[in-house]
N, C-alpha and C. Protein backbone atom coordinates (compact mmCIF):
# COMPACT_ATOMS: atom_id res chain seq x y z
N MET A 1 20.10 -12.24 -9.88
CA MET A 1 20.28 -11.02 -10.65
C MET A 1 19.30 -9.93 -10.23
N LEU A 2 18.08 -10.33 -9.91
CA LEU A 2 17.08 -9.34 -9.52
C LEU A 2 17.42 -8.72 -8.17
N ASP A 3 17.94 -9.54 -7.25
CA ASP A 3 18.36 -8.99 -5.95
C ASP A 3 19.46 -7.95 -6.15
N ALA A 4 20.43 -8.28 -6.97
CA ALA A 4 21.54 -7.36 -7.23
C ALA A 4 21.05 -6.09 -7.91
N ALA A 5 20.14 -6.25 -8.85
CA ALA A 5 19.60 -5.09 -9.57
C ALA A 5 18.85 -4.16 -8.62
N LEU A 6 17.99 -4.73 -7.78
CA LEU A 6 17.21 -3.89 -6.87
C LEU A 6 18.12 -3.14 -5.91
N THR A 7 19.10 -3.83 -5.36
CA THR A 7 20.02 -3.19 -4.41
C THR A 7 20.73 -2.00 -5.06
N LEU A 8 21.24 -2.20 -6.25
CA LEU A 8 21.96 -1.12 -6.93
C LEU A 8 21.02 0.00 -7.37
N PHE A 9 19.86 -0.35 -7.86
CA PHE A 9 18.90 0.67 -8.29
C PHE A 9 18.51 1.57 -7.13
N VAL A 10 18.31 0.97 -5.95
CA VAL A 10 17.90 1.76 -4.79
C VAL A 10 19.06 2.60 -4.27
N GLU A 11 20.25 2.02 -4.23
CA GLU A 11 21.41 2.73 -3.68
C GLU A 11 21.92 3.84 -4.60
N LYS A 12 22.01 3.54 -5.90
CA LYS A 12 22.62 4.49 -6.84
C LYS A 12 21.60 5.26 -7.67
N GLY A 13 20.41 4.71 -7.77
CA GLY A 13 19.42 5.27 -8.68
C GLY A 13 19.39 4.47 -9.97
N PHE A 14 18.23 4.39 -10.58
CA PHE A 14 18.08 3.60 -11.80
C PHE A 14 18.91 4.19 -12.94
N ALA A 15 18.80 5.49 -13.14
CA ALA A 15 19.51 6.13 -14.26
C ALA A 15 21.02 6.00 -14.12
N ALA A 16 21.52 6.08 -12.89
CA ALA A 16 22.97 6.08 -12.66
C ALA A 16 23.59 4.69 -12.66
N THR A 17 22.78 3.66 -12.53
CA THR A 17 23.30 2.29 -12.48
C THR A 17 23.56 1.77 -13.88
N ARG A 18 24.76 1.21 -14.07
CA ARG A 18 25.10 0.62 -15.37
C ARG A 18 24.82 -0.87 -15.33
N ILE A 19 24.44 -1.42 -16.46
CA ILE A 19 24.09 -2.83 -16.53
C ILE A 19 25.29 -3.71 -16.16
N GLU A 20 26.52 -3.22 -16.46
CA GLU A 20 27.73 -3.96 -16.10
C GLU A 20 27.85 -4.11 -14.58
N GLU A 21 27.44 -3.08 -13.85
CA GLU A 21 27.52 -3.13 -12.39
C GLU A 21 26.57 -4.19 -11.84
N VAL A 22 25.40 -4.28 -12.44
CA VAL A 22 24.44 -5.30 -12.00
C VAL A 22 25.01 -6.69 -12.25
N ALA A 23 25.57 -6.89 -13.43
CA ALA A 23 26.15 -8.19 -13.77
C ALA A 23 27.28 -8.55 -12.81
N ASP A 24 28.17 -7.61 -12.53
CA ASP A 24 29.28 -7.85 -11.60
C ASP A 24 28.76 -8.22 -10.22
N SER A 25 27.77 -7.47 -9.75
CA SER A 25 27.22 -7.72 -8.41
C SER A 25 26.54 -9.08 -8.34
N ALA A 26 25.93 -9.50 -9.44
CA ALA A 26 25.23 -10.79 -9.47
C ALA A 26 26.18 -11.95 -9.75
N GLY A 27 27.42 -11.64 -10.09
CA GLY A 27 28.39 -12.69 -10.37
C GLY A 27 28.20 -13.35 -11.72
N VAL A 28 27.66 -12.61 -12.69
CA VAL A 28 27.47 -13.15 -14.03
C VAL A 28 28.08 -12.18 -15.04
N SER A 29 28.20 -12.63 -16.26
CA SER A 29 28.72 -11.75 -17.31
C SER A 29 27.61 -10.84 -17.82
N LYS A 30 28.01 -9.76 -18.44
CA LYS A 30 27.04 -8.84 -19.03
C LYS A 30 26.20 -9.56 -20.09
N GLY A 31 26.86 -10.43 -20.85
CA GLY A 31 26.15 -11.19 -21.89
C GLY A 31 25.08 -12.10 -21.31
N THR A 32 25.42 -12.74 -20.18
CA THR A 32 24.44 -13.62 -19.53
C THR A 32 23.22 -12.83 -19.09
N LEU A 33 23.45 -11.66 -18.52
CA LEU A 33 22.33 -10.84 -18.07
C LEU A 33 21.44 -10.46 -19.24
N TYR A 34 22.07 -10.14 -20.38
CA TYR A 34 21.28 -9.74 -21.55
C TYR A 34 20.52 -10.92 -22.16
N LEU A 35 20.91 -12.14 -21.84
CA LEU A 35 20.14 -13.30 -22.30
C LEU A 35 18.76 -13.32 -21.66
N TYR A 36 18.67 -12.81 -20.44
CA TYR A 36 17.40 -12.81 -19.70
C TYR A 36 16.64 -11.50 -19.85
N TYR A 37 17.37 -10.40 -19.94
CA TYR A 37 16.72 -9.08 -19.97
C TYR A 37 17.35 -8.26 -21.09
N SER A 38 16.54 -7.84 -22.03
CA SER A 38 17.05 -7.17 -23.23
C SER A 38 17.53 -5.75 -22.98
N SER A 39 17.13 -5.16 -21.86
CA SER A 39 17.53 -3.78 -21.56
C SER A 39 17.45 -3.55 -20.05
N LYS A 40 17.97 -2.43 -19.62
CA LYS A 40 17.89 -2.08 -18.20
C LYS A 40 16.43 -1.85 -17.79
N GLU A 41 15.64 -1.30 -18.70
CA GLU A 41 14.22 -1.08 -18.42
C GLU A 41 13.49 -2.41 -18.20
N GLU A 42 13.82 -3.40 -19.03
CA GLU A 42 13.19 -4.72 -18.86
C GLU A 42 13.62 -5.36 -17.55
N LEU A 43 14.84 -5.09 -17.14
CA LEU A 43 15.33 -5.61 -15.85
C LEU A 43 14.54 -4.99 -14.70
N LEU A 44 14.29 -3.69 -14.78
CA LEU A 44 13.51 -3.03 -13.72
C LEU A 44 12.08 -3.55 -13.70
N LYS A 45 11.50 -3.79 -14.86
CA LYS A 45 10.16 -4.36 -14.90
C LYS A 45 10.13 -5.72 -14.21
N ALA A 46 11.17 -6.50 -14.44
CA ALA A 46 11.25 -7.82 -13.80
C ALA A 46 11.37 -7.69 -12.29
N VAL A 47 12.11 -6.68 -11.82
CA VAL A 47 12.22 -6.42 -10.38
C VAL A 47 10.85 -6.09 -9.80
N ILE A 48 10.12 -5.20 -10.47
CA ILE A 48 8.78 -4.81 -10.01
C ILE A 48 7.85 -6.02 -9.98
N ARG A 49 7.93 -6.83 -11.02
CA ARG A 49 7.08 -8.02 -11.12
C ARG A 49 7.40 -9.01 -10.00
N GLU A 50 8.68 -9.25 -9.76
CA GLU A 50 9.09 -10.23 -8.76
C GLU A 50 8.74 -9.80 -7.35
N TYR A 51 9.00 -8.55 -7.02
CA TYR A 51 8.86 -8.11 -5.63
C TYR A 51 7.47 -7.60 -5.27
N LEU A 52 6.69 -7.17 -6.27
CA LEU A 52 5.38 -6.61 -5.96
C LEU A 52 4.24 -7.30 -6.69
N SER A 53 4.31 -7.40 -8.00
CA SER A 53 3.19 -7.92 -8.79
C SER A 53 2.82 -9.34 -8.40
N ASN A 54 3.81 -10.20 -8.24
CA ASN A 54 3.53 -11.59 -7.89
C ASN A 54 2.83 -11.71 -6.54
N GLN A 55 3.20 -10.85 -5.60
CA GLN A 55 2.57 -10.88 -4.28
C GLN A 55 1.12 -10.38 -4.35
N ILE A 56 0.87 -9.41 -5.22
CA ILE A 56 -0.51 -8.93 -5.40
C ILE A 56 -1.38 -10.04 -5.99
N GLU A 57 -0.83 -10.79 -6.94
CA GLU A 57 -1.57 -11.90 -7.53
C GLU A 57 -1.89 -12.97 -6.48
N ALA A 58 -0.93 -13.24 -5.60
CA ALA A 58 -1.18 -14.21 -4.53
C ALA A 58 -2.27 -13.70 -3.59
N GLY A 59 -2.27 -12.40 -3.31
CA GLY A 59 -3.30 -11.82 -2.46
C GLY A 59 -4.67 -11.91 -3.10
N ALA A 60 -4.74 -11.74 -4.42
CA ALA A 60 -6.03 -11.85 -5.12
C ALA A 60 -6.61 -13.24 -4.98
N GLU A 61 -5.77 -14.24 -5.02
CA GLU A 61 -6.24 -15.62 -4.83
C GLU A 61 -6.73 -15.83 -3.41
N GLN A 62 -6.05 -15.25 -2.44
CA GLN A 62 -6.48 -15.34 -1.05
C GLN A 62 -7.85 -14.70 -0.86
N VAL A 63 -8.07 -13.57 -1.50
CA VAL A 63 -9.37 -12.89 -1.42
C VAL A 63 -10.45 -13.75 -2.07
N ARG A 64 -10.14 -14.35 -3.19
CA ARG A 64 -11.12 -15.17 -3.91
C ARG A 64 -11.59 -16.35 -3.07
N LEU A 65 -10.68 -16.94 -2.31
CA LEU A 65 -11.00 -18.14 -1.53
C LEU A 65 -11.56 -17.83 -0.15
N HIS A 66 -11.50 -16.57 0.28
CA HIS A 66 -11.87 -16.23 1.65
C HIS A 66 -13.37 -16.34 1.89
N VAL A 67 -13.72 -16.91 3.04
CA VAL A 67 -15.10 -16.97 3.51
C VAL A 67 -15.11 -16.42 4.92
N GLY A 68 -15.97 -15.44 5.19
CA GLY A 68 -16.03 -14.88 6.55
C GLY A 68 -15.93 -13.38 6.54
N SER A 69 -15.43 -12.84 7.65
CA SER A 69 -15.40 -11.40 7.86
C SER A 69 -14.46 -10.70 6.87
N ASN A 70 -14.99 -9.70 6.19
CA ASN A 70 -14.15 -8.91 5.28
C ASN A 70 -13.21 -7.99 6.05
N ALA A 71 -13.64 -7.55 7.23
CA ALA A 71 -12.76 -6.72 8.07
C ALA A 71 -11.54 -7.52 8.51
N ASP A 72 -11.77 -8.77 8.92
CA ASP A 72 -10.65 -9.62 9.33
C ASP A 72 -9.72 -9.90 8.15
N LEU A 73 -10.31 -10.13 6.98
CA LEU A 73 -9.50 -10.37 5.78
C LEU A 73 -8.64 -9.15 5.47
N LEU A 74 -9.24 -7.97 5.56
CA LEU A 74 -8.51 -6.73 5.27
C LEU A 74 -7.36 -6.54 6.25
N ARG A 75 -7.63 -6.78 7.54
CA ARG A 75 -6.57 -6.65 8.56
C ARG A 75 -5.42 -7.60 8.27
N THR A 76 -5.77 -8.87 8.09
CA THR A 76 -4.74 -9.89 7.91
C THR A 76 -3.95 -9.68 6.62
N LEU A 77 -4.68 -9.49 5.53
CA LEU A 77 -4.03 -9.38 4.22
C LEU A 77 -3.11 -8.16 4.16
N LEU A 78 -3.63 -7.00 4.55
CA LEU A 78 -2.83 -5.78 4.42
C LEU A 78 -1.71 -5.70 5.44
N CYS A 79 -1.99 -6.07 6.69
CA CYS A 79 -0.92 -6.03 7.70
C CYS A 79 0.21 -6.98 7.33
N ASP A 80 -0.13 -8.21 6.99
CA ASP A 80 0.90 -9.20 6.65
C ASP A 80 1.65 -8.78 5.39
N TRP A 81 0.91 -8.29 4.39
CA TRP A 81 1.56 -7.94 3.12
C TRP A 81 2.50 -6.76 3.30
N TRP A 82 2.03 -5.70 3.96
CA TRP A 82 2.86 -4.51 4.09
C TRP A 82 4.04 -4.72 5.02
N LEU A 83 3.86 -5.49 6.08
CA LEU A 83 5.00 -5.77 6.95
C LEU A 83 6.02 -6.65 6.23
N GLY A 84 5.52 -7.58 5.41
CA GLY A 84 6.42 -8.40 4.61
C GLY A 84 7.21 -7.56 3.63
N VAL A 85 6.54 -6.63 2.98
CA VAL A 85 7.22 -5.73 2.03
C VAL A 85 8.22 -4.85 2.75
N PHE A 86 7.80 -4.25 3.87
CA PHE A 86 8.67 -3.33 4.60
C PHE A 86 9.95 -4.03 5.06
N ASN A 87 9.84 -5.26 5.49
CA ASN A 87 10.99 -5.99 6.03
C ASN A 87 11.80 -6.72 4.97
N SER A 88 11.52 -6.45 3.72
CA SER A 88 12.25 -7.09 2.62
C SER A 88 12.83 -6.02 1.70
N PRO A 89 13.68 -6.42 0.76
CA PRO A 89 14.22 -5.43 -0.19
C PRO A 89 13.13 -4.75 -1.02
N ALA A 90 11.94 -5.35 -1.08
CA ALA A 90 10.85 -4.79 -1.88
C ALA A 90 10.48 -3.38 -1.48
N ALA A 91 10.72 -3.02 -0.22
CA ALA A 91 10.39 -1.66 0.25
C ALA A 91 11.12 -0.60 -0.57
N GLY A 92 12.27 -0.94 -1.10
CA GLY A 92 13.04 0.02 -1.88
C GLY A 92 12.44 0.34 -3.23
N VAL A 93 11.55 -0.52 -3.72
CA VAL A 93 10.95 -0.29 -5.04
C VAL A 93 10.17 1.02 -5.06
N PHE A 94 9.49 1.33 -3.96
CA PHE A 94 8.64 2.52 -3.93
C PHE A 94 9.47 3.80 -4.06
N LYS A 95 10.57 3.85 -3.31
CA LYS A 95 11.45 5.02 -3.43
C LYS A 95 12.00 5.13 -4.85
N LEU A 96 12.39 4.00 -5.39
CA LEU A 96 12.95 3.97 -6.74
C LEU A 96 11.96 4.51 -7.76
N VAL A 97 10.72 4.04 -7.67
CA VAL A 97 9.70 4.47 -8.63
C VAL A 97 9.38 5.95 -8.46
N ILE A 98 9.18 6.38 -7.22
CA ILE A 98 8.78 7.77 -6.97
C ILE A 98 9.85 8.75 -7.43
N THR A 99 11.11 8.42 -7.21
CA THR A 99 12.18 9.37 -7.52
C THR A 99 12.58 9.38 -8.99
N GLU A 100 12.34 8.27 -9.71
CA GLU A 100 12.91 8.19 -11.06
C GLU A 100 11.91 7.94 -12.18
N VAL A 101 10.71 7.52 -11.84
CA VAL A 101 9.82 7.05 -12.90
C VAL A 101 9.39 8.16 -13.85
N ARG A 102 9.41 9.41 -13.41
CA ARG A 102 8.99 10.51 -14.29
C ARG A 102 9.87 10.61 -15.52
N SER A 103 11.11 10.20 -15.40
CA SER A 103 12.02 10.27 -16.54
C SER A 103 11.91 9.05 -17.45
N PHE A 104 11.10 8.06 -17.03
CA PHE A 104 10.97 6.82 -17.79
C PHE A 104 9.49 6.47 -17.94
N PRO A 105 8.80 7.10 -18.90
CA PRO A 105 7.36 6.90 -19.07
C PRO A 105 6.95 5.44 -19.25
N GLU A 106 7.79 4.66 -19.90
CA GLU A 106 7.47 3.25 -20.11
C GLU A 106 7.39 2.51 -18.78
N ILE A 107 8.31 2.83 -17.87
CA ILE A 107 8.29 2.21 -16.55
C ILE A 107 7.08 2.69 -15.75
N ALA A 108 6.75 3.96 -15.89
CA ALA A 108 5.58 4.50 -15.19
C ALA A 108 4.31 3.78 -15.62
N SER A 109 4.18 3.57 -16.92
CA SER A 109 3.01 2.87 -17.45
C SER A 109 2.96 1.43 -16.95
N TYR A 110 4.11 0.78 -16.94
CA TYR A 110 4.16 -0.61 -16.47
C TYR A 110 3.83 -0.69 -14.99
N TYR A 111 4.37 0.21 -14.19
CA TYR A 111 4.12 0.19 -12.75
C TYR A 111 2.63 0.40 -12.46
N PHE A 112 2.00 1.28 -13.22
CA PHE A 112 0.57 1.51 -13.01
C PHE A 112 -0.23 0.25 -13.31
N SER A 113 0.06 -0.40 -14.44
CA SER A 113 -0.73 -1.56 -14.85
C SER A 113 -0.40 -2.81 -14.04
N ALA A 114 0.83 -2.91 -13.53
CA ALA A 114 1.25 -4.12 -12.83
C ALA A 114 1.12 -4.05 -11.32
N VAL A 115 1.10 -2.82 -10.77
CA VAL A 115 1.07 -2.67 -9.31
C VAL A 115 -0.12 -1.83 -8.84
N ILE A 116 -0.18 -0.59 -9.28
CA ILE A 116 -1.20 0.32 -8.76
C ILE A 116 -2.61 -0.17 -9.07
N GLU A 117 -2.86 -0.49 -10.33
CA GLU A 117 -4.21 -0.88 -10.74
C GLU A 117 -4.67 -2.18 -10.09
N PRO A 118 -3.92 -3.28 -10.21
CA PRO A 118 -4.38 -4.52 -9.58
C PRO A 118 -4.40 -4.45 -8.06
N GLY A 119 -3.45 -3.73 -7.46
CA GLY A 119 -3.44 -3.59 -6.01
C GLY A 119 -4.65 -2.84 -5.50
N SER A 120 -5.00 -1.75 -6.18
CA SER A 120 -6.17 -0.97 -5.79
C SER A 120 -7.45 -1.77 -6.00
N GLN A 121 -7.53 -2.50 -7.10
CA GLN A 121 -8.71 -3.32 -7.36
C GLN A 121 -8.88 -4.41 -6.32
N LEU A 122 -7.77 -4.96 -5.86
CA LEU A 122 -7.82 -6.01 -4.85
C LEU A 122 -8.43 -5.49 -3.55
N VAL A 123 -7.95 -4.35 -3.07
CA VAL A 123 -8.48 -3.78 -1.83
C VAL A 123 -9.93 -3.33 -2.03
N ALA A 124 -10.21 -2.74 -3.19
CA ALA A 124 -11.58 -2.28 -3.48
C ALA A 124 -12.56 -3.45 -3.47
N ARG A 125 -12.13 -4.59 -3.96
CA ARG A 125 -13.01 -5.77 -3.99
C ARG A 125 -13.44 -6.17 -2.58
N ILE A 126 -12.51 -6.12 -1.65
CA ILE A 126 -12.84 -6.47 -0.26
C ILE A 126 -13.82 -5.45 0.31
N LEU A 127 -13.56 -4.18 0.07
CA LEU A 127 -14.44 -3.13 0.59
C LEU A 127 -15.84 -3.26 -0.01
N GLU A 128 -15.93 -3.50 -1.29
CA GLU A 128 -17.24 -3.61 -1.95
C GLU A 128 -18.02 -4.82 -1.42
N ARG A 129 -17.32 -5.92 -1.16
CA ARG A 129 -18.00 -7.08 -0.58
C ARG A 129 -18.52 -6.75 0.81
N GLY A 130 -17.70 -6.05 1.59
CA GLY A 130 -18.11 -5.68 2.94
C GLY A 130 -19.28 -4.72 2.96
N ILE A 131 -19.32 -3.80 2.00
CA ILE A 131 -20.45 -2.87 1.89
C ILE A 131 -21.71 -3.63 1.48
N ALA A 132 -21.55 -4.54 0.52
CA ALA A 132 -22.70 -5.28 0.00
C ALA A 132 -23.36 -6.16 1.06
N ASN A 133 -22.55 -6.73 1.97
CA ASN A 133 -23.15 -7.60 2.99
C ASN A 133 -23.47 -6.86 4.29
N GLY A 134 -23.32 -5.54 4.29
CA GLY A 134 -23.69 -4.75 5.46
C GLY A 134 -22.63 -4.68 6.54
N GLU A 135 -21.44 -5.18 6.26
CA GLU A 135 -20.37 -5.15 7.26
C GLU A 135 -19.73 -3.76 7.35
N PHE A 136 -19.57 -3.12 6.19
CA PHE A 136 -18.99 -1.78 6.14
C PHE A 136 -20.07 -0.74 5.80
N ARG A 137 -19.86 0.47 6.27
CA ARG A 137 -20.73 1.57 5.90
C ARG A 137 -20.54 1.90 4.41
N GLU A 138 -21.49 2.64 3.87
CA GLU A 138 -21.34 3.15 2.50
C GLU A 138 -20.24 4.21 2.52
N VAL A 139 -19.14 3.91 1.88
CA VAL A 139 -18.02 4.85 1.83
C VAL A 139 -17.60 5.05 0.38
N ASN A 140 -16.84 6.09 0.14
CA ASN A 140 -16.22 6.28 -1.16
C ASN A 140 -15.08 5.27 -1.26
N VAL A 141 -15.29 4.23 -2.05
CA VAL A 141 -14.34 3.11 -2.08
C VAL A 141 -12.96 3.56 -2.56
N GLU A 142 -12.91 4.37 -3.59
CA GLU A 142 -11.61 4.82 -4.11
C GLU A 142 -10.84 5.60 -3.04
N ALA A 143 -11.53 6.50 -2.34
CA ALA A 143 -10.87 7.27 -1.28
C ALA A 143 -10.44 6.37 -0.14
N ALA A 144 -11.25 5.37 0.18
CA ALA A 144 -10.90 4.44 1.26
C ALA A 144 -9.66 3.62 0.90
N VAL A 145 -9.57 3.20 -0.35
CA VAL A 145 -8.38 2.47 -0.81
C VAL A 145 -7.13 3.33 -0.64
N HIS A 146 -7.21 4.58 -1.07
CA HIS A 146 -6.06 5.49 -0.92
C HIS A 146 -5.71 5.70 0.55
N SER A 147 -6.73 5.81 1.40
CA SER A 147 -6.49 6.02 2.83
C SER A 147 -5.76 4.83 3.45
N LEU A 148 -6.08 3.64 2.99
CA LEU A 148 -5.44 2.43 3.51
C LEU A 148 -4.01 2.27 2.99
N VAL A 149 -3.80 2.57 1.72
CA VAL A 149 -2.56 2.19 1.05
C VAL A 149 -1.47 3.26 1.07
N LEU A 150 -1.83 4.51 0.82
CA LEU A 150 -0.79 5.54 0.63
C LEU A 150 0.11 5.75 1.85
N PRO A 151 -0.41 5.73 3.09
CA PRO A 151 0.52 5.85 4.23
C PRO A 151 1.51 4.70 4.30
N MET A 152 1.13 3.52 3.80
CA MET A 152 2.04 2.38 3.80
C MET A 152 3.17 2.59 2.79
N VAL A 153 2.82 3.17 1.65
CA VAL A 153 3.85 3.51 0.66
C VAL A 153 4.84 4.50 1.27
N MET A 154 4.31 5.51 1.96
CA MET A 154 5.17 6.52 2.58
C MET A 154 6.08 5.90 3.63
N LEU A 155 5.59 4.91 4.36
CA LEU A 155 6.41 4.22 5.36
C LEU A 155 7.62 3.56 4.70
N CYS A 156 7.40 2.93 3.55
CA CYS A 156 8.50 2.28 2.84
C CYS A 156 9.48 3.30 2.27
N VAL A 157 8.95 4.41 1.75
CA VAL A 157 9.83 5.47 1.25
C VAL A 157 10.67 6.04 2.39
N HIS A 158 10.04 6.25 3.53
CA HIS A 158 10.72 6.78 4.72
C HIS A 158 11.90 5.89 5.11
N LYS A 159 11.71 4.58 5.01
CA LYS A 159 12.77 3.63 5.38
C LYS A 159 14.02 3.85 4.54
N HIS A 160 13.85 4.20 3.28
CA HIS A 160 14.99 4.33 2.37
C HIS A 160 15.36 5.78 2.08
N SER A 161 14.88 6.69 2.91
CA SER A 161 15.24 8.10 2.71
C SER A 161 15.63 8.75 4.04
N LEU A 162 14.65 9.19 4.81
CA LEU A 162 14.93 9.92 6.04
C LEU A 162 15.37 9.02 7.19
N SER A 163 14.81 7.83 7.25
CA SER A 163 15.02 6.95 8.40
C SER A 163 16.49 6.70 8.74
N PRO A 164 17.38 6.44 7.77
CA PRO A 164 18.79 6.19 8.11
C PRO A 164 19.49 7.38 8.76
N CYS A 165 18.89 8.57 8.65
CA CYS A 165 19.52 9.78 9.19
C CYS A 165 19.00 10.16 10.57
N LEU A 166 18.02 9.42 11.08
CA LEU A 166 17.38 9.78 12.34
C LEU A 166 17.96 9.01 13.52
N PRO A 167 17.92 9.57 14.73
CA PRO A 167 18.31 8.81 15.92
C PRO A 167 17.32 7.69 16.17
N MET A 168 17.77 6.66 16.86
CA MET A 168 16.95 5.47 17.06
C MET A 168 15.61 5.79 17.71
N ASP A 169 15.59 6.72 18.68
CA ASP A 169 14.35 6.99 19.40
C ASP A 169 13.35 7.79 18.55
N ALA A 170 13.77 8.23 17.37
CA ALA A 170 12.86 8.97 16.50
C ALA A 170 12.32 8.10 15.36
N LEU A 171 12.76 6.86 15.29
CA LEU A 171 12.35 5.98 14.21
C LEU A 171 10.93 5.47 14.41
N VAL A 172 10.22 5.31 13.31
CA VAL A 172 8.88 4.73 13.33
C VAL A 172 9.00 3.25 13.64
N GLN A 173 8.11 2.75 14.51
CA GLN A 173 8.04 1.31 14.77
C GLN A 173 7.06 0.73 13.74
N PRO A 174 7.56 0.07 12.71
CA PRO A 174 6.71 -0.31 11.58
C PRO A 174 5.52 -1.19 11.95
N GLU A 175 5.74 -2.21 12.78
CA GLU A 175 4.63 -3.11 13.09
C GLU A 175 3.53 -2.39 13.86
N VAL A 176 3.93 -1.56 14.83
CA VAL A 176 2.95 -0.80 15.61
C VAL A 176 2.19 0.15 14.68
N PHE A 177 2.92 0.85 13.82
CA PHE A 177 2.28 1.81 12.92
C PHE A 177 1.31 1.12 11.97
N VAL A 178 1.75 0.06 11.32
CA VAL A 178 0.92 -0.62 10.32
C VAL A 178 -0.36 -1.14 10.95
N ARG A 179 -0.23 -1.83 12.08
CA ARG A 179 -1.42 -2.43 12.70
C ARG A 179 -2.37 -1.36 13.23
N GLN A 180 -1.83 -0.31 13.83
CA GLN A 180 -2.72 0.73 14.35
C GLN A 180 -3.38 1.51 13.21
N HIS A 181 -2.63 1.78 12.17
CA HIS A 181 -3.21 2.49 11.03
C HIS A 181 -4.37 1.70 10.43
N MET A 182 -4.15 0.41 10.20
CA MET A 182 -5.21 -0.42 9.63
C MET A 182 -6.42 -0.47 10.54
N GLU A 183 -6.18 -0.59 11.84
CA GLU A 183 -7.29 -0.68 12.79
C GLU A 183 -8.10 0.61 12.80
N LEU A 184 -7.43 1.75 12.75
CA LEU A 184 -8.14 3.03 12.75
C LEU A 184 -9.05 3.16 11.52
N ILE A 185 -8.52 2.83 10.36
CA ILE A 185 -9.31 2.98 9.13
C ILE A 185 -10.44 1.95 9.08
N ILE A 186 -10.13 0.70 9.39
CA ILE A 186 -11.15 -0.35 9.30
C ILE A 186 -12.25 -0.13 10.32
N THR A 187 -11.89 0.23 11.55
CA THR A 187 -12.90 0.50 12.57
C THR A 187 -13.81 1.65 12.13
N GLY A 188 -13.24 2.65 11.50
CA GLY A 188 -14.04 3.77 11.03
C GLY A 188 -15.02 3.40 9.93
N MET A 189 -14.73 2.32 9.20
CA MET A 189 -15.62 1.90 8.11
C MET A 189 -16.69 0.92 8.56
N LEU A 190 -16.49 0.28 9.72
CA LEU A 190 -17.45 -0.72 10.17
C LEU A 190 -18.81 -0.11 10.42
N LYS A 191 -19.83 -0.83 10.02
CA LYS A 191 -21.20 -0.37 10.23
C LYS A 191 -21.57 -0.67 11.67
N PRO A 192 -22.09 0.32 12.42
CA PRO A 192 -22.48 0.06 13.81
C PRO A 192 -23.56 -1.01 13.88
N SER A 193 -23.51 -1.83 14.93
CA SER A 193 -24.57 -2.81 15.14
C SER A 193 -25.86 -2.07 15.45
N GLY A 194 -26.99 -2.79 15.45
CA GLY A 194 -28.28 -2.16 15.72
C GLY A 194 -28.31 -1.44 17.05
N ALA A 195 -27.78 -2.09 18.09
CA ALA A 195 -27.79 -1.50 19.42
C ALA A 195 -26.89 -0.27 19.48
N THR A 196 -25.72 -0.38 18.84
CA THR A 196 -24.79 0.75 18.84
C THR A 196 -25.36 1.93 18.08
N ALA A 197 -25.99 1.65 16.94
CA ALA A 197 -26.57 2.72 16.13
C ALA A 197 -27.67 3.44 16.89
N ALA A 198 -28.50 2.65 17.61
CA ALA A 198 -29.58 3.26 18.38
C ALA A 198 -29.02 4.14 19.49
N LYS A 199 -27.96 3.66 20.13
CA LYS A 199 -27.34 4.43 21.22
C LYS A 199 -26.76 5.74 20.69
N LEU A 200 -26.15 5.68 19.50
CA LEU A 200 -25.59 6.89 18.91
C LEU A 200 -26.69 7.90 18.57
N ARG A 201 -27.84 7.39 18.13
CA ARG A 201 -28.94 8.30 17.79
C ARG A 201 -29.48 9.01 19.02
N THR A 202 -29.55 8.28 20.15
CA THR A 202 -30.08 8.90 21.37
C THR A 202 -29.12 9.93 21.92
N LYS A 203 -27.84 9.81 21.59
CA LYS A 203 -26.84 10.76 22.09
C LYS A 203 -26.60 11.91 21.13
N SER A 204 -27.28 11.91 20.00
CA SER A 204 -27.06 12.99 19.03
C SER A 204 -27.49 14.31 19.64
N PRO A 205 -26.67 15.36 19.53
CA PRO A 205 -27.02 16.66 20.12
C PRO A 205 -28.21 17.26 19.42
N ARG A 206 -29.03 17.97 20.21
CA ARG A 206 -30.16 18.66 19.61
C ARG A 206 -29.65 19.82 18.77
N PRO A 207 -30.33 20.11 17.68
CA PRO A 207 -29.88 21.25 16.86
C PRO A 207 -30.00 22.55 17.62
N ALA A 208 -29.01 23.42 17.47
CA ALA A 208 -29.01 24.70 18.18
C ALA A 208 -30.10 25.60 17.63
N LEU A 209 -30.69 26.40 18.52
CA LEU A 209 -31.70 27.36 18.08
C LEU A 209 -31.04 28.45 17.27
N SER A 210 -31.73 28.90 16.25
CA SER A 210 -31.19 30.01 15.47
C SER A 210 -31.22 31.27 16.30
N SER A 211 -30.44 32.26 15.91
CA SER A 211 -30.31 33.48 16.71
C SER A 211 -31.63 34.20 16.85
N GLY A 212 -32.54 33.99 15.88
CA GLY A 212 -33.80 34.71 15.94
C GLY A 212 -34.90 33.94 16.63
N ALA A 213 -34.60 32.69 17.08
CA ALA A 213 -35.63 31.86 17.68
C ALA A 213 -35.87 32.27 19.11
N THR A 214 -37.10 32.09 19.57
CA THR A 214 -37.46 32.38 20.96
C THR A 214 -38.13 31.18 21.56
N THR A 215 -38.05 31.05 22.85
CA THR A 215 -38.69 29.93 23.54
C THR A 215 -39.97 30.41 24.18
N SER A 216 -40.94 29.52 24.25
CA SER A 216 -42.23 29.88 24.82
C SER A 216 -42.16 29.85 26.33
N THR A 217 -42.85 30.79 26.97
CA THR A 217 -42.90 30.81 28.44
C THR A 217 -44.25 30.34 28.93
N ASP A 218 -45.12 29.91 27.98
CA ASP A 218 -46.44 29.45 28.40
C ASP A 218 -46.34 28.09 29.05
């Protein structure tokens, strides 16, 4: 039922989809569907929970058990998670939420508490651990989380909006994009080693003389 609901919600829109259509697509009666979900809003919450929230919870457990490089954990966790989402029906949830959630405040509140908040906290936890052990530079953690996550959301939205209208040679290659994006951000956060930091200091340009400064000829 959740697969059928997500497909119809993404194709037709949440507001335009009737509960009878979901039941027909799932091969069950309307009454059977209502035994599990009391309303269309509850059905959408279940879709969000199944396709996104449960995966975030699994990621939190992976972070809890991880020992070793936080940069490697960030690469593996985010690349695998986002590619998994992109290549599954779950990618459609983002378009659905962005286009329709403003008209459904209850869904907006649920999405924030079930997806945005725990997902952001999960990534922030990795960054904070990396900063604490000297692996990452001191960065604005909230801004870094947004830098890592928001382009991935846009990639999923693109798949279900502009992408079907583009020629093949103009399409984004998702695996290349995801891995390169993560590498660019993570590399930028890594703290330089002692030797690298010293080398960067020796190459720092000298400050320019002010316009009123003069050099000695003695």
